[in-house]
PDB file of all heavy atoms in Angstrom:
ATOM      1  N   ALA A   1    -102.915 -63.503  -6.832  1.00  0.00           N
ATOM      2  CA  ALA A   1    -103.292 -64.150  -5.572  1.00  0.00           C
ATOM      3  C   ALA A   1    -104.808 -64.126  -5.386  1.00  0.00           C
ATOM      4  O   ALA A   1    -105.415 -65.114  -4.942  1.00  0.00           O
ATOM      5  CB  ALA A   1    -102.597 -63.464  -4.402  1.00  0.00           C
ATOM      6  N   LEU A   2    -105.447 -62.991  -5.717  1.00  0.00           N
ATOM      7  CA  LEU A   2    -106.900 -62.895  -5.604  1.00  0.00           C
ATOM      8  C   LEU A   2    -107.588 -63.855  -6.568  1.00  0.00           C
ATOM      9  O   LEU A   2    -108.570 -64.525  -6.199  1.00  0.00           O
ATOM     10  CB  LEU A   2    -107.342 -61.453  -5.881  1.00  0.00           C
ATOM     11  CG  LEU A   2    -108.855 -61.190  -5.855  1.00  0.00           C
ATOM     12  CD1 LEU A   2    -109.436 -61.517  -4.483  1.00  0.00           C
ATOM     13  CD2 LEU A   2    -109.157 -59.735  -6.234  1.00  0.00           C
ATOM     14  N   LEU A   3    -107.075 -63.946  -7.789  1.00  0.00           N
ATOM     15  CA  LEU A   3    -107.651 -64.870  -8.765  1.00  0.00           C
ATOM     16  C   LEU A   3    -107.509 -66.316  -8.293  1.00  0.00           C
ATOM     17  O   LEU A   3    -108.440 -67.121  -8.416  1.00  0.00           O
ATOM     18  CB  LEU A   3    -106.967 -64.684 -10.123  1.00  0.00           C
ATOM     19  CG  LEU A   3    -107.504 -65.550 -11.271  1.00  0.00           C
ATOM     20  CD1 LEU A   3    -108.959 -65.217 -11.572  1.00  0.00           C
ATOM     21  CD2 LEU A   3    -106.644 -65.382 -12.525  1.00  0.00           C
ATOM     22  N   GLY A   4    -106.334 -66.650  -7.732  1.00  0.00           N
ATOM     23  CA  GLY A   4    -106.142 -67.998  -7.201  1.00  0.00           C
ATOM     24  C   GLY A   4    -107.093 -68.306  -6.062  1.00  0.00           C
ATOM     25  O   GLY A   4    -107.641 -69.412  -5.977  1.00  0.00           O
ATOM     26  N   ALA A   5    -107.324 -67.316  -5.176  1.00  0.00           N
ATOM     27  CA  ALA A   5    -108.252 -67.522  -4.067  1.00  0.00           C
ATOM     28  C   ALA A   5    -109.677 -67.729  -4.576  1.00  0.00           C
ATOM     29  O   ALA A   5    -110.419 -68.583  -4.059  1.00  0.00           O
ATOM     30  CB  ALA A   5    -108.193 -66.324  -3.119  1.00  0.00           C
ATOM     31  N   LEU A   6    -110.083 -66.972  -5.594  1.00  0.00           N
ATOM     32  CA  LEU A   6    -111.425 -67.136  -6.163  1.00  0.00           C
ATOM     33  C   LEU A   6    -111.576 -68.510  -6.817  1.00  0.00           C
ATOM     34  O   LEU A   6    -112.637 -69.145  -6.700  1.00  0.00           O
ATOM     35  CB  LEU A   6    -111.696 -66.031  -7.193  1.00  0.00           C
ATOM     36  CG  LEU A   6    -111.935 -64.625  -6.637  1.00  0.00           C
ATOM     37  CD1 LEU A   6    -112.067 -63.616  -7.771  1.00  0.00           C
ATOM     38  CD2 LEU A   6    -113.189 -64.602  -5.758  1.00  0.00           C
ATOM     39  N   ARG A   7    -110.537 -68.974  -7.490  1.00  0.00           N
ATOM     40  CA  ARG A   7    -110.608 -70.298  -8.107  1.00  0.00           C
ATOM     41  C   ARG A   7    -110.717 -71.396  -7.045  1.00  0.00           C
ATOM     42  O   ARG A   7    -111.467 -72.355  -7.213  1.00  0.00           O
ATOM     43  CB  ARG A   7    -109.376 -70.524  -8.989  1.00  0.00           C
ATOM     44  CG  ARG A   7    -109.392 -69.699 -10.279  1.00  0.00           C
ATOM     45  CD  ARG A   7    -108.127 -69.916 -11.091  1.00  0.00           C
ATOM     46  NE  ARG A   7    -108.188 -69.194 -12.363  1.00  0.00           N
ATOM     47  CZ  ARG A   7    -107.206 -69.127 -13.244  1.00  0.00           C
ATOM     48  NH1 ARG A   7    -106.046 -69.743 -12.981  1.00  0.00           N
ATOM     49  NH2 ARG A   7    -107.349 -68.456 -14.380  1.00  0.00           N
ATOM     50  N   ILE A   8    -109.938 -71.257  -5.965  1.00  0.00           N
ATOM     51  CA  ILE A   8    -110.035 -72.243  -4.881  1.00  0.00           C
ATOM     52  C   ILE A   8    -111.432 -72.231  -4.276  1.00  0.00           C
ATOM     53  O   ILE A   8    -112.026 -73.291  -4.015  1.00  0.00           O
ATOM     54  CB  ILE A   8    -108.968 -71.952  -3.802  1.00  0.00           C
ATOM     55  CG1 ILE A   8    -107.568 -72.216  -4.363  1.00  0.00           C
ATOM     56  CG2 ILE A   8    -109.212 -72.807  -2.560  1.00  0.00           C
ATOM     57  CD1 ILE A   8    -106.452 -71.867  -3.397  1.00  0.00           C
ATOM     58  N   LEU A   9    -111.978 -71.018  -4.055  1.00  0.00           N
ATOM     59  CA  LEU A   9    -113.331 -70.915  -3.518  1.00  0.00           C
ATOM     60  C   LEU A   9    -114.332 -71.594  -4.437  1.00  0.00           C
ATOM     61  O   LEU A   9    -115.232 -72.323  -3.981  1.00  0.00           O
ATOM     62  CB  LEU A   9    -113.688 -69.441  -3.326  1.00  0.00           C
ATOM     63  CG  LEU A   9    -115.101 -69.147  -2.810  1.00  0.00           C
ATOM     64  CD1 LEU A   9    -115.294 -69.728  -1.413  1.00  0.00           C
ATOM     65  CD2 LEU A   9    -115.375 -67.644  -2.805  1.00  0.00           C
ATOM     66  N   TYR A  10    -114.189 -71.400  -5.746  1.00  0.00           N
ATOM     67  CA  TYR A  10    -115.114 -71.993  -6.718  1.00  0.00           C
ATOM     68  C   TYR A  10    -115.064 -73.516  -6.661  1.00  0.00           C
ATOM     69  O   TYR A  10    -116.104 -74.181  -6.571  1.00  0.00           O
ATOM     70  CB  TYR A  10    -114.771 -71.492  -8.119  1.00  0.00           C
ATOM     71  CG  TYR A  10    -115.644 -72.064  -9.219  1.00  0.00           C
ATOM     72  CD1 TYR A  10    -116.776 -71.394  -9.651  1.00  0.00           C
ATOM     73  CD2 TYR A  10    -115.326 -73.280  -9.825  1.00  0.00           C
ATOM     74  CE1 TYR A  10    -117.582 -71.912 -10.661  1.00  0.00           C
ATOM     75  CE2 TYR A  10    -116.120 -73.806 -10.826  1.00  0.00           C
ATOM     76  CZ  TYR A  10    -117.246 -73.124 -11.239  1.00  0.00           C
ATOM     77  OH  TYR A  10    -118.046 -73.652 -12.224  1.00  0.00           O
ATOM     78  N   VAL A  11    -113.851 -74.094  -6.712  1.00  0.00           N
ATOM     79  CA  VAL A  11    -113.745 -75.553  -6.787  1.00  0.00           C
ATOM     80  C   VAL A  11    -114.140 -76.206  -5.464  1.00  0.00           C
ATOM     81  O   VAL A  11    -114.701 -77.307  -5.448  1.00  0.00           O
ATOM     82  CB  VAL A  11    -112.320 -75.981  -7.214  1.00  0.00           C
ATOM     83  CG1 VAL A  11    -112.046 -75.555  -8.649  1.00  0.00           C
ATOM     84  CG2 VAL A  11    -111.250 -75.421  -6.296  1.00  0.00           C
ATOM     85  N   VAL A  12    -113.883 -75.538  -4.337  1.00  0.00           N
ATOM     86  CA  VAL A  12    -114.285 -76.109  -3.043  1.00  0.00           C
ATOM     87  C   VAL A  12    -115.807 -76.110  -2.907  1.00  0.00           C
ATOM     88  O   VAL A  12    -116.403 -77.109  -2.470  1.00  0.00           O
ATOM     89  CB  VAL A  12    -113.627 -75.333  -1.880  1.00  0.00           C
ATOM     90  CG1 VAL A  12    -114.233 -75.747  -0.549  1.00  0.00           C
ATOM     91  CG2 VAL A  12    -112.129 -75.579  -1.859  1.00  0.00           C
ATOM     92  N   ILE A  13    -116.444 -75.001  -3.304  1.00  0.00           N
ATOM     93  CA  ILE A  13    -117.916 -74.957  -3.271  1.00  0.00           C
ATOM     94  C   ILE A  13    -118.494 -76.008  -4.208  1.00  0.00           C
ATOM     95  O   ILE A  13    -119.490 -76.676  -3.896  1.00  0.00           O
ATOM     96  CB  ILE A  13    -118.417 -73.551  -3.640  1.00  0.00           C
ATOM     97  CG1 ILE A  13    -118.031 -72.554  -2.549  1.00  0.00           C
ATOM     98  CG2 ILE A  13    -119.924 -73.545  -3.856  1.00  0.00           C
ATOM     99  CD1 ILE A  13    -118.405 -71.122  -2.871  1.00  0.00           C
ATOM    100  N   ARG A  14    -117.857 -76.195  -5.384  1.00  0.00           N
ATOM    101  CA  ARG A  14    -118.317 -77.223  -6.314  1.00  0.00           C
ATOM    102  C   ARG A  14    -118.202 -78.615  -5.695  1.00  0.00           C
ATOM    103  O   ARG A  14    -119.112 -79.439  -5.813  1.00  0.00           O
ATOM    104  CB  ARG A  14    -117.483 -77.160  -7.589  1.00  0.00           C
ATOM    105  CG  ARG A  14    -117.907 -78.137  -8.680  1.00  0.00           C
ATOM    106  CD  ARG A  14    -116.794 -78.326  -9.679  1.00  0.00           C
ATOM    107  NE  ARG A  14    -115.615 -78.906  -9.058  1.00  0.00           N
ATOM    108  CZ  ARG A  14    -114.381 -78.735  -9.515  1.00  0.00           C
ATOM    109  NH1 ARG A  14    -114.168 -77.984 -10.570  1.00  0.00           N
ATOM    110  NH2 ARG A  14    -113.347 -79.304  -8.896  1.00  0.00           N
ATOM    111  N   ASP A  15    -117.097 -78.880  -5.000  1.00  0.00           N
ATOM    112  CA  ASP A  15    -116.927 -80.185  -4.360  1.00  0.00           C
ATOM    113  C   ASP A  15    -117.974 -80.413  -3.273  1.00  0.00           C
ATOM    114  O   ASP A  15    -118.487 -81.525  -3.120  1.00  0.00           O
ATOM    115  CB  ASP A  15    -115.524 -80.297  -3.766  1.00  0.00           C
ATOM    116  CG  ASP A  15    -114.446 -80.427  -4.834  1.00  0.00           C
ATOM    117  OD1 ASP A  15    -114.807 -80.643  -6.012  1.00  0.00           O
ATOM    118  OD2 ASP A  15    -113.257 -80.299  -4.498  1.00  0.00           O
ATOM    119  N   ILE A  16    -118.289 -79.356  -2.522  1.00  0.00           N
ATOM    120  CA  ILE A  16    -119.320 -79.493  -1.482  1.00  0.00           C
ATOM    121  C   ILE A  16    -120.670 -79.767  -2.122  1.00  0.00           C
ATOM    122  O   ILE A  16    -121.443 -80.618  -1.654  1.00  0.00           O
ATOM    123  CB  ILE A  16    -119.365 -78.217  -0.611  1.00  0.00           C
ATOM    124  CG1 ILE A  16    -118.045 -78.028   0.139  1.00  0.00           C
ATOM    125  CG2 ILE A  16    -120.526 -78.286   0.375  1.00  0.00           C
ATOM    126  CD1 ILE A  16    -117.957 -76.707   0.875  1.00  0.00           C
ATOM    127  N   ALA A  17    -120.972 -79.060  -3.220  1.00  0.00           N
ATOM    128  CA  ALA A  17    -122.259 -79.245  -3.893  1.00  0.00           C
ATOM    129  C   ALA A  17    -122.399 -80.651  -4.476  1.00  0.00           C
ATOM    130  O   ALA A  17    -123.505 -81.192  -4.547  1.00  0.00           O
ATOM    131  CB  ALA A  17    -122.430 -78.196  -4.997  1.00  0.00           C
ATOM    132  N   GLU A  18    -121.281 -81.261  -4.885  1.00  0.00           N
ATOM    133  CA  GLU A  18    -121.345 -82.612  -5.430  1.00  0.00           C
ATOM    134  C   GLU A  18    -121.707 -83.639  -4.365  1.00  0.00           C
ATOM    135  O   GLU A  18    -122.177 -84.732  -4.696  1.00  0.00           O
ATOM    136  CB  GLU A  18    -120.008 -82.973  -6.079  1.00  0.00           C
ATOM    137  CG  GLU A  18    -119.760 -82.232  -7.394  1.00  0.00           C
ATOM    138  CD  GLU A  18    -118.395 -82.564  -7.972  1.00  0.00           C
ATOM    139  OE1 GLU A  18    -117.598 -83.221  -7.266  1.00  0.00           O
ATOM    140  OE2 GLU A  18    -118.128 -82.163  -9.120  1.00  0.00           O
ATOM    141  N   GLY A  19    -121.468 -83.332  -3.090  1.00  0.00           N
ATOM    142  CA  GLY A  19    -121.984 -84.158  -2.016  1.00  0.00           C
ATOM    143  C   GLY A  19    -121.024 -85.147  -1.393  1.00  0.00           C
ATOM    144  O   GLY A  19    -121.313 -85.688  -0.324  1.00  0.00           O
ATOM    145  N   MET A  20    -119.859 -85.391  -2.009  1.00  0.00           N
ATOM    146  CA  MET A  20    -118.970 -86.407  -1.470  1.00  0.00           C
ATOM    147  C   MET A  20    -118.344 -85.980  -0.148  1.00  0.00           C
ATOM    148  O   MET A  20    -118.147 -86.806   0.749  1.00  0.00           O
ATOM    149  CB  MET A  20    -117.884 -86.748  -2.485  1.00  0.00           C
ATOM    150  CG  MET A  20    -118.364 -87.589  -3.654  1.00  0.00           C
ATOM    151  SD  MET A  20    -119.169 -89.132  -3.123  1.00  0.00           S
ATOM    152  CE  MET A  20    -117.841 -89.931  -2.235  1.00  0.00           C
ATOM    153  N   LEU A  21    -118.011 -84.700   0.012  1.00  0.00           N
ATOM    154  CA  LEU A  21    -117.478 -84.241   1.294  1.00  0.00           C
ATOM    155  C   LEU A  21    -118.512 -84.414   2.401  1.00  0.00           C
ATOM    156  O   LEU A  21    -118.168 -84.793   3.538  1.00  0.00           O
ATOM    157  CB  LEU A  21    -117.048 -82.771   1.190  1.00  0.00           C
ATOM    158  CG  LEU A  21    -115.806 -82.471   0.354  1.00  0.00           C
ATOM    159  CD1 LEU A  21    -115.498 -80.980   0.382  1.00  0.00           C
ATOM    160  CD2 LEU A  21    -114.603 -83.263   0.846  1.00  0.00           C
ATOM    161  N   ASN A  22    -119.787 -84.150   2.074  1.00  0.00           N
ATOM    162  CA  ASN A  22    -120.843 -84.346   3.076  1.00  0.00           C
ATOM    163  C   ASN A  22    -120.956 -85.813   3.470  1.00  0.00           C
ATOM    164  O   ASN A  22    -121.112 -86.143   4.664  1.00  0.00           O
ATOM    165  CB  ASN A  22    -122.187 -83.862   2.510  1.00  0.00           C
ATOM    166  CG  ASN A  22    -122.193 -82.374   2.228  1.00  0.00           C
ATOM    167  OD1 ASN A  22    -121.682 -81.594   3.020  1.00  0.00           O
ATOM    168  ND2 ASN A  22    -122.736 -81.975   1.103  1.00  0.00           N
ATOM    169  N   LEU A  23    -120.896 -86.705   2.479  1.00  0.00           N
ATOM    170  CA  LEU A  23    -120.994 -88.139   2.774  1.00  0.00           C
ATOM    171  C   LEU A  23    -119.816 -88.596   3.631  1.00  0.00           C
ATOM    172  O   LEU A  23    -119.989 -89.398   4.562  1.00  0.00           O
ATOM    173  CB  LEU A  23    -121.051 -88.936   1.475  1.00  0.00           C
ATOM    174  CG  LEU A  23    -122.355 -88.820   0.664  1.00  0.00           C
ATOM    175  CD1 LEU A  23    -122.223 -89.576  -0.655  1.00  0.00           C
ATOM    176  CD2 LEU A  23    -123.535 -89.356   1.460  1.00  0.00           C
ATOM    177  N   ARG A  24    -118.618 -88.131   3.315  1.00  0.00           N
ATOM    178  CA  ARG A  24    -117.449 -88.503   4.109  1.00  0.00           C
ATOM    179  C   ARG A  24    -117.586 -88.003   5.548  1.00  0.00           C
ATOM    180  O   ARG A  24    -117.252 -88.714   6.504  1.00  0.00           O
ATOM    181  CB  ARG A  24    -116.190 -87.913   3.482  1.00  0.00           C
ATOM    182  CG  ARG A  24    -115.866 -88.479   2.099  1.00  0.00           C
ATOM    183  CD  ARG A  24    -115.144 -89.780   2.203  1.00  0.00           C
ATOM    184  NE  ARG A  24    -114.864 -90.358   0.891  1.00  0.00           N
ATOM    185  CZ  ARG A  24    -114.117 -91.427   0.698  1.00  0.00           C
ATOM    186  NH1 ARG A  24    -113.578 -92.051   1.728  1.00  0.00           N
ATOM    187  NH2 ARG A  24    -113.912 -91.901  -0.517  1.00  0.00           N
ATOM    188  N   ALA A  25    -118.071 -86.774   5.704  1.00  0.00           N
ATOM    189  CA  ALA A  25    -118.250 -86.226   7.053  1.00  0.00           C
ATOM    190  C   ALA A  25    -119.287 -87.025   7.833  1.00  0.00           C
ATOM    191  O   ALA A  25    -119.108 -87.307   9.025  1.00  0.00           O
ATOM    192  CB  ALA A  25    -118.655 -84.748   6.963  1.00  0.00           C
ATOM    193  N   MET A  26    -120.385 -87.417   7.169  1.00  0.00           N
ATOM    194  CA  MET A  26    -121.421 -88.196   7.857  1.00  0.00           C
ATOM    195  C   MET A  26    -120.919 -89.579   8.257  1.00  0.00           C
ATOM    196  O   MET A  26    -121.249 -90.082   9.335  1.00  0.00           O
ATOM    197  CB  MET A  26    -122.653 -88.312   6.961  1.00  0.00           C
ATOM    198  CG  MET A  26    -123.462 -87.030   6.858  1.00  0.00           C
ATOM    199  SD  MET A  26    -125.033 -87.215   5.973  1.00  0.00           S
ATOM    200  CE  MET A  26    -124.447 -87.282   4.289  1.00  0.00           C
ATOM    201  N   SER A  27    -120.092 -90.201   7.397  1.00  0.00           N
ATOM    202  CA  SER A  27    -119.542 -91.511   7.768  1.00  0.00           C
ATOM    203  C   SER A  27    -118.598 -91.396   8.958  1.00  0.00           C
ATOM    204  O   SER A  27    -118.540 -92.285   9.810  1.00  0.00           O
ATOM    205  CB  SER A  27    -118.816 -92.126   6.573  1.00  0.00           C
ATOM    206  OG  SER A  27    -117.628 -91.425   6.280  1.00  0.00           O
ATOM    207  N   LEU A  28    -117.870 -90.283   9.048  1.00  0.00           N
ATOM    208  CA  LEU A  28    -116.968 -90.080  10.172  1.00  0.00           C
ATOM    209  C   LEU A  28    -117.740 -89.826  11.468  1.00  0.00           C
ATOM    210  O   LEU A  28    -117.232 -90.128  12.553  1.00  0.00           O
ATOM    211  CB  LEU A  28    -116.018 -88.916   9.883  1.00  0.00           C
ATOM    212  CG  LEU A  28    -114.916 -89.201   8.860  1.00  0.00           C
ATOM    213  CD1 LEU A  28    -114.137 -87.931   8.539  1.00  0.00           C
ATOM    214  CD2 LEU A  28    -113.972 -90.273   9.376  1.00  0.00           C
ATOM    215  N   VAL A  29    -118.936 -89.272  11.372  1.00  0.00           N
ATOM    216  CA  VAL A  29    -119.772 -89.095  12.565  1.00  0.00           C
ATOM    217  C   VAL A  29    -120.078 -90.456  13.189  1.00  0.00           C
ATOM    218  O   VAL A  29    -119.922 -90.664  14.396  1.00  0.00           O
ATOM    219  CB  VAL A  29    -121.079 -88.356  12.212  1.00  0.00           C
ATOM    220  CG1 VAL A  29    -122.042 -88.380  13.391  1.00  0.00           C
ATOM    221  CG2 VAL A  29    -120.791 -86.923  11.811  1.00  0.00           C
ATOM    222  N   TYR A  30    -120.502 -91.402  12.355  1.00  0.00           N
ATOM    223  CA  TYR A  30    -120.830 -92.746  12.840  1.00  0.00           C
ATOM    224  C   TYR A  30    -119.601 -93.409  13.461  1.00  0.00           C
ATOM    225  O   TYR A  30    -119.669 -93.975  14.564  1.00  0.00           O
ATOM    226  CB  TYR A  30    -121.351 -93.585  11.672  1.00  0.00           C
ATOM    227  CG  TYR A  30    -121.563 -95.041  11.984  1.00  0.00           C
ATOM    228  CD1 TYR A  30    -122.653 -95.461  12.743  1.00  0.00           C
ATOM    229  CD2 TYR A  30    -120.670 -95.994  11.520  1.00  0.00           C
ATOM    230  CE1 TYR A  30    -122.845 -96.796  13.033  1.00  0.00           C
ATOM    231  CE2 TYR A  30    -120.856 -97.338  11.803  1.00  0.00           C
ATOM    232  CZ  TYR A  30    -121.941 -97.731  12.554  1.00  0.00           C
ATOM    233  OH  TYR A  30    -122.112 -99.062  12.838  1.00  0.00           O
ATOM    234  N   THR A  31    -118.458 -93.303  12.785  1.00  0.00           N
ATOM    235  CA  THR A  31    -117.235 -93.915  13.298  1.00  0.00           C
ATOM    236  C   THR A  31    -116.793 -93.249  14.594  1.00  0.00           C
ATOM    237  O   THR A  31    -116.311 -93.919  15.515  1.00  0.00           O
ATOM    238  CB  THR A  31    -116.112 -93.801  12.250  1.00  0.00           C
ATOM    239  OG1 THR A  31    -116.581 -94.314  11.003  1.00  0.00           O
ATOM    240  CG2 THR A  31    -114.895 -94.576  12.677  1.00  0.00           C
ATOM    241  N   THR A  32    -116.949 -91.931  14.688  1.00  0.00           N
ATOM    242  CA  THR A  32    -116.557 -91.210  15.900  1.00  0.00           C
ATOM    243  C   THR A  32    -117.390 -91.644  17.093  1.00  0.00           C
ATOM    244  O   THR A  32    -116.857 -91.849  18.196  1.00  0.00           O
ATOM    245  CB  THR A  32    -116.697 -89.695  15.680  1.00  0.00           C
ATOM    246  OG1 THR A  32    -115.896 -89.300  14.563  1.00  0.00           O
ATOM    247  CG2 THR A  32    -116.245 -88.923  16.903  1.00  0.00           C
ATOM    248  N   LEU A  33    -118.696 -91.797  16.894  1.00  0.00           N
ATOM    249  CA  LEU A  33    -119.563 -92.208  18.004  1.00  0.00           C
ATOM    250  C   LEU A  33    -119.173 -93.585  18.523  1.00  0.00           C
ATOM    251  O   LEU A  33    -119.232 -93.846  19.737  1.00  0.00           O
ATOM    252  CB  LEU A  33    -121.025 -92.211  17.549  1.00  0.00           C
ATOM    253  CG  LEU A  33    -121.642 -90.836  17.252  1.00  0.00           C
ATOM    254  CD1 LEU A  33    -123.054 -90.999  16.696  1.00  0.00           C
ATOM    255  CD2 LEU A  33    -121.668 -89.979  18.509  1.00  0.00           C
ATOM    256  N   LEU A  34    -118.757 -94.474  17.618  1.00  0.00           N
ATOM    257  CA  LEU A  34    -118.371 -95.822  18.037  1.00  0.00           C
ATOM    258  C   LEU A  34    -116.998 -95.852  18.687  1.00  0.00           C
ATOM    259  O   LEU A  34    -116.748 -96.678  19.576  1.00  0.00           O
ATOM    260  CB  LEU A  34    -118.375 -96.761  16.821  1.00  0.00           C
ATOM    261  CG  LEU A  34    -119.736 -97.123  16.219  1.00  0.00           C
ATOM    262  CD1 LEU A  34    -119.552 -98.043  15.027  1.00  0.00           C
ATOM    263  CD2 LEU A  34    -120.644 -97.783  17.254  1.00  0.00           C
ATOM    264  N   SER A  35    -116.100 -94.957  18.273  1.00  0.00           N
ATOM    265  CA  SER A  35    -114.697 -95.076  18.673  1.00  0.00           C
ATOM    266  C   SER A  35    -114.254 -94.018  19.663  1.00  0.00           C
ATOM    267  O   SER A  35    -113.107 -94.078  20.130  1.00  0.00           O
ATOM    268  CB  SER A  35    -113.803 -94.986  17.422  1.00  0.00           C
ATOM    269  OG  SER A  35    -114.209 -95.907  16.440  1.00  0.00           O
ATOM    270  N   MET A  36    -115.105 -93.058  20.001  1.00  0.00           N
ATOM    271  CA  MET A  36    -114.675 -91.967  20.870  1.00  0.00           C
ATOM    272  C   MET A  36    -114.248 -92.465  22.247  1.00  0.00           C
ATOM    273  O   MET A  36    -113.177 -92.105  22.760  1.00  0.00           O
ATOM    274  CB  MET A  36    -115.791 -90.926  21.003  1.00  0.00           C
ATOM    275  CG  MET A  36    -115.440 -89.794  21.963  1.00  0.00           C
ATOM    276  SD  MET A  36    -116.726 -88.551  22.047  1.00  0.00           S
ATOM    277  CE  MET A  36    -116.547 -87.783  20.443  1.00  0.00           C
ATOM    278  N   VAL A  37    -115.074 -93.315  22.854  1.00  0.00           N
ATOM    279  CA  VAL A  37    -114.759 -93.787  24.204  1.00  0.00           C
ATOM    280  C   VAL A  37    -113.483 -94.632  24.209  1.00  0.00           C
ATOM    281  O   VAL A  37    -112.603 -94.413  25.056  1.00  0.00           O
ATOM    282  CB  VAL A  37    -115.961 -94.552  24.794  1.00  0.00           C
ATOM    283  CG1 VAL A  37    -115.573 -95.209  26.118  1.00  0.00           C
ATOM    284  CG2 VAL A  37    -117.136 -93.599  25.018  1.00  0.00           C
ATOM    285  N   PRO A  38    -113.314 -95.624  23.291  1.00  0.00           N
ATOM    286  CA  PRO A  38    -112.032 -96.348  23.279  1.00  0.00           C
ATOM    287  C   PRO A  38    -110.820 -95.445  23.043  1.00  0.00           C
ATOM    288  O   PRO A  38    -109.769 -95.639  23.665  1.00  0.00           O
ATOM    289  CB  PRO A  38    -112.208 -97.345  22.129  1.00  0.00           C
ATOM    290  CG  PRO A  38    -113.670 -97.554  22.023  1.00  0.00           C
ATOM    291  CD  PRO A  38    -114.283 -96.239  22.355  1.00  0.00           C
ATOM    292  N   LEU A  39    -110.956 -94.455  22.161  1.00  0.00           N
ATOM    293  CA  LEU A  39    -109.852 -93.536  21.897  1.00  0.00           C
ATOM    294  C   LEU A  39    -109.477 -92.755  23.156  1.00  0.00           C
ATOM    295  O   LEU A  39    -108.300 -92.648  23.516  1.00  0.00           O
ATOM    296  CB  LEU A  39    -110.229 -92.572  20.773  1.00  0.00           C
ATOM    297  CG  LEU A  39    -109.218 -91.468  20.446  1.00  0.00           C
ATOM    298  CD1 LEU A  39    -107.909 -92.064  19.956  1.00  0.00           C
ATOM    299  CD2 LEU A  39    -109.784 -90.505  19.410  1.00  0.00           C
TER     300      LEU A  39
END
């Protein structure tokens, strides 16, 4: 279980470092600002 948790931590940090999660989060910021009031 500890080894599995370390592997998950490694791959998640790697995904964050690659930048795509950051880009997706930033695009959702723009969409949220436009759609918050209608929602």
